[in-house]
Amino acid sequence: MTRFPWGVRVGVATLMVVAAMVATTAPLRAQRGLDEDEVKAAFLFNFVKFVQWPPSDDRPADVIVIGVVGREPFGDVMDSVVRGKTVNGRELVVRRLSADQDPRTVHMLFIEASEARRSADVLKRAQSGGVLTVGETRQFLEEGGLVRFYVEANRLRFQIDAEGAQREGLKISSQLLSLAKK
């Protein structure tokens, strides 16, 4: 029997968890509810494991900051999902941002659909900042966002603009890219 190094086994196990999450996510309610927020927060947490960010003077190097622009209940759910967790030895921190705050101070920025009117402006200000931007509106990728959540067959799915991420200096694992809808 071939034994793989510990790091490879952990990586494969993590990928299997993400793949299972994508394949077996419980059907979502038609209306936004806490269940959908929990699923989105779990996806965001798992995205962190598969992305490498470029160095930045705007962000701390010892923690990974997840910014949330939008309604407050989602920020609370995100807090509970990442509380006490680390990725690659870095603590995860959730920050609430208003739509007019500098988005380049976070590693990942989730912009809720409730901020659709302002998302294009926020995305423009995040450009060239090495920020993984995630949203949930139909036009999010066209506006310059990098990851878009959507519901298909009553399940949460996601798309990734790999070229856009590369322009931002982000390295997204090929494992995660393979799970995204083309």
C-alpha atoms as a PDB file:
ATOM      1  CA  MET A   1       0.000   0.000   0.000  1.00  0.00           C
ATOM      2  CA  THR A   2       1.390   3.420  -0.963  1.00  0.00           C
ATOM      3  CA  ARG A   3       1.546   5.916   1.882  1.00  0.00           C
ATOM      4  CA  PHE A   4       1.284   9.578   1.040  1.00  0.00           C
ATOM      5  CA  PRO A   5       2.900  12.340   3.104  1.00  0.00           C
ATOM      6  CA  TRP A   6       0.701  13.759   5.840  1.00  0.00           C
ATOM      7  CA  GLY A   7       0.183  17.075   3.995  1.00  0.00           C
ATOM      8  CA  VAL A   8      -1.078  15.302   0.871  1.00  0.00           C
ATOM      9  CA  ARG A   9      -3.526  13.235   2.942  1.00  0.00           C
ATOM     10  CA  VAL A  10      -4.854  16.347   4.679  1.00  0.00           C
ATOM     11  CA  GLY A  11      -5.185  18.139   1.321  1.00  0.00           C
ATOM     12  CA  VAL A  12      -7.059  15.222  -0.214  1.00  0.00           C
ATOM     13  CA  ALA A  13      -9.305  14.963   2.846  1.00  0.00           C
ATOM     14  CA  THR A  14     -10.082  18.688   2.691  1.00  0.00           C
ATOM     15  CA  LEU A  15     -10.876  18.438  -1.013  1.00  0.00           C
ATOM     16  CA  MET A  16     -13.194  15.515  -0.346  1.00  0.00           C
ATOM     17  CA  VAL A  17     -15.032  17.557   2.276  1.00  0.00           C
ATOM     18  CA  VAL A  18     -15.484  20.468  -0.136  1.00  0.00           C
ATOM     19  CA  ALA A  19     -16.559  18.129  -2.942  1.00  0.00           C
ATOM     20  CA  ALA A  20     -19.065  16.454  -0.652  1.00  0.00           C
ATOM     21  CA  MET A  21     -20.340  19.850   0.437  1.00  0.00           C
ATOM     22  CA  VAL A  22     -20.884  20.865  -3.175  1.00  0.00           C
ATOM     23  CA  ALA A  23     -22.475  17.578  -4.197  1.00  0.00           C
ATOM     24  CA  THR A  24     -24.711  17.013  -1.203  1.00  0.00           C
ATOM     25  CA  THR A  25     -25.688  20.454   0.029  1.00  0.00           C
ATOM     26  CA  ALA A  26     -29.162  20.128   1.437  1.00  0.00           C
ATOM     27  CA  PRO A  27     -31.814  21.775  -0.718  1.00  0.00           C
ATOM     28  CA  LEU A  28     -32.163  25.455   0.059  1.00  0.00           C
ATOM     29  CA  ARG A  29     -35.370  27.146   1.003  1.00  0.00           C
ATOM     30  CA  ALA A  30     -36.934  29.321  -1.670  1.00  0.00           C
ATOM     31  CA  GLN A  31     -36.605  32.289   0.670  1.00  0.00           C
ATOM     32  CA  ARG A  32     -33.315  33.438   2.147  1.00  0.00           C
ATOM     33  CA  GLY A  33     -32.991  31.941   5.556  1.00  0.00           C
ATOM     34  CA  LEU A  34     -30.446  30.990   8.137  1.00  0.00           C
ATOM     35  CA  ASP A  35     -29.822  27.630   6.433  1.00  0.00           C
ATOM     36  CA  GLU A  36     -28.691  29.317   3.228  1.00  0.00           C
ATOM     37  CA  ASP A  37     -26.449  31.701   5.172  1.00  0.00           C
ATOM     38  CA  GLU A  38     -24.811  28.782   6.974  1.00  0.00           C
ATOM     39  CA  VAL A  39     -24.104  27.041   3.672  1.00  0.00           C
ATOM     40  CA  LYS A  40     -22.585  30.209   2.169  1.00  0.00           C
ATOM     41  CA  ALA A  41     -20.453  30.768   5.262  1.00  0.00           C
ATOM     42  CA  ALA A  42     -19.190  27.163   5.070  1.00  0.00           C
ATOM     43  CA  PHE A  43     -18.275  27.650   1.409  1.00  0.00           C
ATOM     44  CA  LEU A  44     -16.397  30.869   2.224  1.00  0.00           C
ATOM     45  CA  PHE A  45     -14.499  29.151   5.025  1.00  0.00           C
ATOM     46  CA  ASN A  46     -13.515  26.336   2.666  1.00  0.00           C
ATOM     47  CA  PHE A  47     -12.502  28.753  -0.113  1.00  0.00           C
ATOM     48  CA  VAL A  48      -9.861  30.180   2.254  1.00  0.00           C
ATOM     49  CA  LYS A  49      -8.171  26.780   2.348  1.00  0.00           C
ATOM     50  CA  PHE A  50      -7.642  26.746  -1.422  1.00  0.00           C
ATOM     51  CA  VAL A  51      -6.434  30.312  -2.117  1.00  0.00           C
ATOM     52  CA  GLN A  52      -3.046  31.966  -1.747  1.00  0.00           C
ATOM     53  CA  TRP A  53      -2.998  35.757  -1.544  1.00  0.00           C
ATOM     54  CA  PRO A  54      -0.238  38.069  -2.719  1.00  0.00           C
ATOM     55  CA  PRO A  55       1.542  40.115  -0.040  1.00  0.00           C
ATOM     56  CA  SER A  56      -0.084  43.459   0.692  1.00  0.00           C
ATOM     57  CA  ASP A  57       0.709  46.474   2.835  1.00  0.00           C
ATOM     58  CA  ASP A  58      -3.067  47.025   3.234  1.00  0.00           C
ATOM     59  CA  ARG A  59      -3.736  43.696   5.002  1.00  0.00           C
ATOM     60  CA  PRO A  60      -2.270  41.977   8.048  1.00  0.00           C
ATOM     61  CA  ALA A  61       0.002  39.020   7.245  1.00  0.00           C
ATOM     62  CA  ASP A  62      -0.662  37.029  10.433  1.00  0.00           C
ATOM     63  CA  VAL A  63      -4.457  36.638  10.034  1.00  0.00           C
ATOM     64  CA  ILE A  64      -6.889  36.094   7.173  1.00  0.00           C
ATOM     65  CA  VAL A  65      -9.557  38.776   7.150  1.00  0.00           C
ATOM     66  CA  ILE A  66     -12.968  37.981   5.659  1.00  0.00           C
ATOM     67  CA  GLY A  67     -14.962  41.122   4.994  1.00  0.00           C
ATOM     68  CA  VAL A  68     -18.741  41.201   4.758  1.00  0.00           C
ATOM     69  CA  VAL A  69     -20.696  43.991   3.072  1.00  0.00           C
ATOM     70  CA  GLY A  70     -24.421  43.661   3.625  1.00  0.00           C
ATOM     71  CA  ARG A  71     -27.045  42.787   6.193  1.00  0.00           C
ATOM     72  CA  GLU A  72     -25.887  41.955   9.695  1.00  0.00           C
ATOM     73  CA  PRO A  73     -27.262  38.451  10.296  1.00  0.00           C
ATOM     74  CA  PHE A  74     -24.832  36.993   7.738  1.00  0.00           C
ATOM     75  CA  GLY A  75     -21.839  38.494   9.544  1.00  0.00           C
ATOM     76  CA  ASP A  76     -22.975  36.777  12.744  1.00  0.00           C
ATOM     77  CA  VAL A  77     -23.271  33.436  10.954  1.00  0.00           C
ATOM     78  CA  MET A  78     -19.818  33.904   9.418  1.00  0.00           C
ATOM     79  CA  ASP A  79     -18.424  34.705  12.879  1.00  0.00           C
ATOM     80  CA  SER A  80     -19.776  31.444  14.280  1.00  0.00           C
ATOM     81  CA  VAL A  81     -18.394  29.383  11.371  1.00  0.00           C
ATOM     82  CA  VAL A  82     -14.812  30.692  11.668  1.00  0.00           C
ATOM     83  CA  ARG A  83     -14.635  31.261  15.442  1.00  0.00           C
ATOM     84  CA  GLY A  84     -11.488  29.657  16.798  1.00  0.00           C
ATOM     85  CA  LYS A  85     -10.409  28.290  13.412  1.00  0.00           C
ATOM     86  CA  THR A  86      -7.092  28.751  11.666  1.00  0.00           C
ATOM     87  CA  VAL A  87      -5.875  28.039   8.148  1.00  0.00           C
ATOM     88  CA  ASN A  88      -2.167  27.454   7.613  1.00  0.00           C
ATOM     89  CA  GLY A  89      -1.507  28.752  11.117  1.00  0.00           C
ATOM     90  CA  ARG A  90      -3.375  32.013  10.493  1.00  0.00           C
ATOM     91  CA  GLU A  91      -6.428  32.962  12.532  1.00  0.00           C
ATOM     92  CA  LEU A  92      -9.601  33.829  10.612  1.00  0.00           C
ATOM     93  CA  VAL A  93     -11.216  37.182  11.418  1.00  0.00           C
ATOM     94  CA  VAL A  94     -14.556  38.529  10.160  1.00  0.00           C
ATOM     95  CA  ARG A  95     -14.965  42.277   9.638  1.00  0.00           C
ATOM     96  CA  ARG A  96     -18.112  44.128   8.664  1.00  0.00           C
ATOM     97  CA  LEU A  97     -17.479  46.793   6.063  1.00  0.00           C
ATOM     98  CA  SER A  98     -19.767  49.483   4.808  1.00  0.00           C
ATOM     99  CA  ALA A  99     -19.938  49.795   1.040  1.00  0.00           C
ATOM    100  CA  ASP A 100     -17.759  52.930   1.186  1.00  0.00           C
ATOM    101  CA  GLN A 101     -14.884  51.450   3.256  1.00  0.00           C
ATOM    102  CA  ASP A 102     -11.646  50.346   1.558  1.00  0.00           C
ATOM    103  CA  PRO A 103     -12.139  46.722   0.437  1.00  0.00           C
ATOM    104  CA  ARG A 104      -8.389  46.188  -0.026  1.00  0.00           C
ATOM    105  CA  THR A 105      -7.988  45.794   3.758  1.00  0.00           C
ATOM    106  CA  VAL A 106      -9.430  42.256   3.634  1.00  0.00           C
ATOM    107  CA  HIS A 107      -8.337  39.020   1.972  1.00  0.00           C
ATOM    108  CA  MET A 108     -11.826  37.893   0.960  1.00  0.00           C
ATOM    109  CA  LEU A 109     -14.845  40.141   0.552  1.00  0.00           C
ATOM    110  CA  PHE A 110     -18.394  38.810   0.461  1.00  0.00           C
ATOM    111  CA  ILE A 111     -20.888  41.290  -0.999  1.00  0.00           C
ATOM    112  CA  GLU A 112     -24.472  40.314  -0.331  1.00  0.00           C
ATOM    113  CA  ALA A 113     -27.250  40.726  -2.875  1.00  0.00           C
ATOM    114  CA  SER A 114     -28.752  43.430  -0.648  1.00  0.00           C
ATOM    115  CA  GLU A 115     -25.814  45.628  -1.776  1.00  0.00           C
ATOM    116  CA  ALA A 116     -26.376  45.056  -5.521  1.00  0.00           C
ATOM    117  CA  ARG A 117     -26.735  48.799  -6.186  1.00  0.00           C
ATOM    118  CA  ARG A 118     -23.260  49.444  -4.811  1.00  0.00           C
ATOM    119  CA  SER A 119     -21.402  46.256  -5.704  1.00  0.00           C
ATOM    120  CA  ALA A 120     -19.906  47.566  -8.978  1.00  0.00           C
ATOM    121  CA  ASP A 121     -18.367  50.503  -7.087  1.00  0.00           C
ATOM    122  CA  VAL A 122     -17.020  48.252  -4.309  1.00  0.00           C
ATOM    123  CA  LEU A 123     -15.551  45.866  -6.884  1.00  0.00           C
ATOM    124  CA  LYS A 124     -13.887  48.717  -8.758  1.00  0.00           C
ATOM    125  CA  ARG A 125     -12.205  49.889  -5.532  1.00  0.00           C
ATOM    126  CA  ALA A 126     -11.079  46.321  -4.750  1.00  0.00           C
ATOM    127  CA  GLN A 127      -9.320  45.932  -8.114  1.00  0.00           C
ATOM    128  CA  SER A 128      -5.561  45.445  -7.986  1.00  0.00           C
ATOM    129  CA  GLY A 129      -5.822  44.813  -4.260  1.00  0.00           C
ATOM    130  CA  GLY A 130      -5.465  41.025  -4.328  1.00  0.00           C
ATOM    131  CA  VAL A 131      -8.925  40.576  -2.793  1.00  0.00           C
ATOM    132  CA  LEU A 132     -10.993  37.463  -3.482  1.00  0.00           C
ATOM    133  CA  THR A 133     -14.409  39.036  -4.100  1.00  0.00           C
ATOM    134  CA  VAL A 134     -17.480  36.826  -3.689  1.00  0.00           C
ATOM    135  CA  GLY A 135     -21.060  37.810  -4.458  1.00  0.00           C
ATOM    136  CA  GLU A 136     -24.447  36.442  -5.295  1.00  0.00           C
ATOM    137  CA  THR A 137     -26.015  38.635  -7.959  1.00  0.00           C
ATOM    138  CA  ARG A 138     -26.489  37.506 -11.551  1.00  0.00           C
ATOM    139  CA  GLN A 139     -24.178  40.224 -12.909  1.00  0.00           C
ATOM    140  CA  PHE A 140     -21.460  39.860 -10.244  1.00  0.00           C
ATOM    141  CA  LEU A 141     -18.785  38.356 -12.503  1.00  0.00           C
ATOM    142  CA  GLU A 142     -19.509  40.847 -15.286  1.00  0.00           C
ATOM    143  CA  GLU A 143     -19.033  43.691 -12.781  1.00  0.00           C
ATOM    144  CA  GLY A 144     -15.556  42.396 -11.949  1.00  0.00           C
ATOM    145  CA  GLY A 145     -16.271  39.969  -9.099  1.00  0.00           C
ATOM    146  CA  LEU A 146     -14.286  36.746  -8.899  1.00  0.00           C
ATOM    147  CA  VAL A 147     -16.651  34.167  -7.356  1.00  0.00           C
ATOM    148  CA  ARG A 148     -20.428  34.093  -7.765  1.00  0.00           C
ATOM    149  CA  PHE A 149     -22.860  32.027  -5.735  1.00  0.00           C
ATOM    150  CA  TYR A 150     -26.086  30.947  -7.405  1.00  0.00           C
ATOM    151  CA  VAL A 151     -28.838  28.436  -6.778  1.00  0.00           C
ATOM    152  CA  GLU A 152     -29.447  25.683  -9.319  1.00  0.00           C
ATOM    153  CA  ALA A 153     -31.831  22.777  -8.820  1.00  0.00           C
ATOM    154  CA  ASN A 154     -32.397  24.112  -5.315  1.00  0.00           C
ATOM    155  CA  ARG A 155     -28.675  23.738  -4.433  1.00  0.00           C
ATOM    156  CA  LEU A 156     -25.985  26.346  -3.856  1.00  0.00           C
ATOM    157  CA  ARG A 157     -23.344  26.372  -6.603  1.00  0.00           C
ATOM    158  CA  PHE A 158     -20.499  28.719  -7.549  1.00  0.00           C
ATOM    159  CA  GLN A 159     -18.605  30.063 -10.533  1.00  0.00           C
ATOM    160  CA  ILE A 160     -15.037  31.388 -10.516  1.00  0.00           C
ATOM    161  CA  ASP A 161     -13.455  33.917 -12.875  1.00  0.00           C
ATOM    162  CA  ALA A 162     -10.036  32.219 -12.932  1.00  0.00           C
ATOM    163  CA  GLU A 163      -8.499  34.799 -15.277  1.00  0.00           C
ATOM    164  CA  GLY A 164      -9.694  37.643 -13.067  1.00  0.00           C
ATOM    165  CA  ALA A 165      -8.262  35.929  -9.994  1.00  0.00           C
ATOM    166  CA  GLN A 166      -4.939  35.508 -11.751  1.00  0.00           C
ATOM    167  CA  ARG A 167      -4.905  39.225 -12.672  1.00  0.00           C
ATOM    168  CA  GLU A 168      -5.393  39.971  -8.961  1.00  0.00           C
ATOM    169  CA  GLY A 169      -2.368  37.856  -8.078  1.00  0.00           C
ATOM    170  CA  LEU A 170      -4.487  35.185  -6.386  1.00  0.00           C
ATOM    171  CA  LYS A 171      -3.503  31.544  -6.700  1.00  0.00           C
ATOM    172  CA  ILE A 172      -6.614  29.391  -6.605  1.00  0.00           C
ATOM    173  CA  SER A 173      -6.058  25.662  -6.277  1.00  0.00           C
ATOM    174  CA  SER A 174      -6.875  23.667  -9.380  1.00  0.00           C
ATOM    175  CA  GLN A 175      -8.880  21.415  -7.065  1.00  0.00           C
ATOM    176  CA  LEU A 176     -11.245  24.271  -6.211  1.00  0.00           C
ATOM    177  CA  LEU A 177     -11.370  25.476  -9.802  1.00  0.00           C
ATOM    178  CA  SER A 178     -12.461  21.997 -10.895  1.00  0.00           C
ATOM    179  CA  LEU A 179     -15.482  22.194  -8.560  1.00  0.00           C
ATOM    180  CA  ALA A 180     -16.708  25.498 -10.000  1.00  0.00           C
ATOM    181  CA  LYS A 181     -19.203  25.655 -12.830  1.00  0.00           C
ATOM    182  CA  LYS A 182     -17.626  26.775 -16.067  1.00  0.00           C
END
